[in-house]
Protein backbone atom coordinates (compact mmCIF):
# COMPACT_ATOMS: atom_id res chain seq x y z
CA MET A 1 6.18 -49.12 -97.26
CA ALA A 2 5.26 -48.30 -93.67
CA TYR A 3 6.24 -50.58 -90.83
CA LEU A 4 4.90 -50.94 -87.35
CA SER A 5 6.94 -48.85 -84.99
CA LYS A 6 8.94 -50.17 -82.11
CA ARG A 7 6.49 -48.18 -80.01
CA VAL A 8 3.85 -50.86 -80.56
CA ALA A 9 6.22 -53.62 -79.45
CA ASN A 10 7.16 -51.53 -76.43
CA GLU A 11 3.49 -50.97 -75.60
CA ILE A 12 2.80 -54.70 -75.77
CA ASP A 13 5.80 -55.63 -73.67
CA GLY A 14 5.40 -52.73 -71.25
CA ARG A 15 1.81 -53.69 -70.50
CA GLY A 16 2.74 -57.34 -70.04
CA LEU A 17 0.51 -58.45 -72.89
CA LYS A 18 0.98 -61.45 -75.13
CA ARG A 19 1.29 -60.83 -78.84
CA ARG A 20 -1.23 -63.62 -79.42
CA PHE A 21 -3.75 -61.72 -77.28
CA ILE A 22 -3.22 -58.54 -79.34
CA ALA A 23 -3.54 -60.47 -82.61
CA ARG A 24 -6.87 -61.87 -81.44
CA LYS A 25 -8.08 -58.44 -80.33
CA LEU A 26 -7.25 -57.15 -83.80
CA GLY A 27 -8.96 -60.08 -85.51
CA MET A 28 -5.86 -61.39 -87.24
CA THR A 29 -3.81 -64.54 -87.18
CA ASP A 30 -0.70 -64.87 -85.03
CA ASN A 31 1.34 -65.24 -88.20
CA ARG A 32 0.03 -62.04 -89.79
CA PHE A 33 0.62 -60.08 -86.59
CA SER A 34 4.13 -61.46 -86.33
CA LEU A 35 4.87 -60.38 -89.91
CA LEU A 36 3.50 -56.91 -89.18
CA ILE A 37 5.38 -56.41 -85.93
CA ASN A 38 8.62 -57.59 -87.55
CA GLY A 39 8.28 -55.27 -90.55
CA ARG A 40 7.82 -58.01 -93.11
CA LEU A 41 4.30 -57.02 -94.07
CA GLN A 42 2.72 -53.65 -94.70
CA VAL A 43 0.14 -52.55 -92.16
CA ARG A 44 -3.29 -51.79 -93.61
CA ALA A 45 -5.13 -48.60 -92.66
CA ASP A 46 -7.84 -50.47 -90.74
CA GLU A 47 -5.21 -52.38 -88.76
CA MET A 48 -3.33 -49.19 -87.98
CA LEU A 49 -6.49 -47.54 -86.68
CA ARG A 50 -7.41 -50.54 -84.52
CA LEU A 51 -3.89 -50.66 -83.05
CA ALA A 52 -3.97 -46.94 -82.31
CA ASP A 53 -7.33 -47.31 -80.62
CA LEU A 54 -6.23 -50.34 -78.63
CA PHE A 55 -3.19 -48.54 -77.22
CA ASP A 56 -4.75 -45.08 -77.05
CA LEU A 57 -2.17 -43.70 -79.49
CA GLU A 58 -2.37 -41.46 -82.52
CA PRO A 59 -2.29 -43.40 -85.81
CA GLU A 60 0.93 -41.59 -86.76
CA GLU A 61 2.59 -43.14 -83.72
CA ILE A 62 1.85 -46.63 -85.04
CA ILE A 63 3.85 -46.46 -88.26
CA GLN A 64 7.23 -45.25 -89.35
CA THR A 65 7.88 -44.52 -92.98
CA ASP A 66 11.54 -43.64 -92.56
CA GLN A 67 12.80 -46.89 -91.10
CA VAL A 68 13.76 -49.89 -93.18
CA PRO A 69 13.78 -53.18 -91.29
CA ALA A 70 17.13 -54.86 -90.75
């Protein structure tokens, strides 16, 4: 299972954005976004691409397949 990278959380925090704002931009609920960002839910391909586009990152930078959440 792939999890959102800490890079996404750092991008959100570093830009001074609210997670609720990002969830709305991605067309998802606050709860789903929270589960994704905390590694409790697998990110779908369409979500990964929208996140990458939103932060001007490569899709590979959005996920990590070698990290298991604590």
